[in-house]
């Protein structure tokens, strides 16, 4: 799917091995020469919130551009983040 430029969403109950599977797949992609960014959703969202709160359009744009430049972007634990008001 990486070669075809397609995305993949893996879902399942906690503890079934999703993170392990994705980590191994990301490592294999990295070994094959692809650029990989592996980030947990809560940490990624925290960084995005910080970019927005800095009131710097350049900062948030740089973050989105960096996310878009990698061949494989893995966002782990999506849905595990805490909501805000």
Protein backbone atom coordinates (compact mmCIF):
# COMPACT_ATOMS: atom_id res chain seq x y z
CA UNK A 1 0.00 0.00 0.00
CA UNK A 2 2.94 2.32 0.65
CA UNK A 3 4.19 1.91 -2.90
CA UNK A 4 0.69 2.62 -4.22
CA UNK A 5 0.42 5.76 -2.06
CA UNK A 6 -2.58 4.41 -0.18
CA UNK A 7 -3.40 4.75 3.48
CA UNK A 8 -4.31 2.10 5.99
CA UNK A 9 -6.25 2.21 9.23
CA UNK A 10 -5.83 -0.62 11.70
CA UNK A 11 -8.49 -0.96 14.39
CA UNK A 12 -9.01 -3.42 17.20
CA UNK A 13 -9.42 -3.79 20.91
CA UNK A 14 -6.66 -2.72 23.29
CA UNK A 15 -3.83 -5.22 23.61
CA UNK A 16 -4.41 -7.08 20.34
CA UNK A 17 -1.06 -6.04 18.82
CA UNK A 18 -1.90 -3.06 16.59
CA UNK A 19 1.02 -0.94 17.80
CA UNK A 20 3.43 -3.86 17.51
CA UNK A 21 2.29 -4.60 13.96
CA UNK A 22 2.56 -0.98 12.91
CA UNK A 23 5.97 -0.55 14.57
CA UNK A 24 7.33 -3.59 12.74
CA UNK A 25 5.85 -2.36 9.45
CA UNK A 26 7.34 1.11 9.97
CA UNK A 27 10.74 -0.42 10.71
CA UNK A 28 10.55 -2.51 7.54
CA UNK A 29 9.61 0.58 5.51
CA UNK A 30 12.52 2.49 7.03
CA UNK A 31 14.91 -0.34 6.15
CA UNK A 32 13.59 -0.20 2.57
CA UNK A 33 14.58 3.46 2.35
CA UNK A 34 11.27 5.18 3.04
CA UNK A 35 11.07 8.14 5.39
CA UNK A 36 8.94 7.32 8.41
CA UNK A 37 7.43 9.36 11.21
CA UNK A 38 5.87 7.42 14.08
CA UNK A 39 3.94 9.56 16.54
CA UNK A 40 1.37 8.84 19.21
CA UNK A 41 -1.83 10.83 18.62
CA UNK A 42 -1.92 12.51 22.05
CA UNK A 43 1.65 13.80 21.64
CA UNK A 44 1.03 14.91 18.04
CA UNK A 45 -2.13 16.76 19.03
CA UNK A 46 -0.29 18.40 21.93
CA UNK A 47 2.36 19.66 19.49
CA UNK A 48 -0.31 20.92 17.07
CA UNK A 49 -2.14 22.72 19.89
CA UNK A 50 1.13 24.37 20.91
CA UNK A 51 1.67 25.52 17.33
CA UNK A 52 -1.81 27.04 17.21
CA UNK A 53 -1.48 28.70 20.59
CA UNK A 54 1.80 30.32 19.56
CA UNK A 55 -0.25 32.40 17.11
CA UNK A 56 2.37 31.71 14.48
CA UNK A 57 0.90 30.64 11.15
CA UNK A 58 4.41 29.73 10.01
CA UNK A 59 4.86 27.31 12.90
CA UNK A 60 1.65 25.38 12.26
CA UNK A 61 2.27 25.39 8.51
CA UNK A 62 5.77 24.00 9.05
CA UNK A 63 4.32 21.18 11.15
CA UNK A 64 1.75 20.22 8.54
CA UNK A 65 4.36 20.40 5.78
CA UNK A 66 6.69 18.15 7.78
CA UNK A 67 3.89 15.63 8.29
CA UNK A 68 3.15 15.69 4.57
CA UNK A 69 6.76 15.18 3.51
CA UNK A 70 7.27 11.74 5.01
CA UNK A 71 6.60 8.64 2.96
CA UNK A 72 4.94 6.88 5.89
CA UNK A 73 3.14 8.71 8.68
CA UNK A 74 2.05 6.47 11.54
CA UNK A 75 -0.35 7.95 14.08
CA UNK A 76 -0.68 5.50 16.96
CA UNK A 77 -3.36 5.52 19.66
CA UNK A 78 -5.76 7.70 17.71
CA UNK A 79 -8.78 8.08 19.98
CA UNK A 80 -6.69 7.71 23.15
CA UNK A 81 -6.26 11.47 23.47
CA UNK A 82 -8.29 13.42 25.99
CA UNK A 83 -10.83 15.93 24.75
CA UNK A 84 -10.72 19.60 25.60
CA UNK A 85 -13.44 22.15 26.12
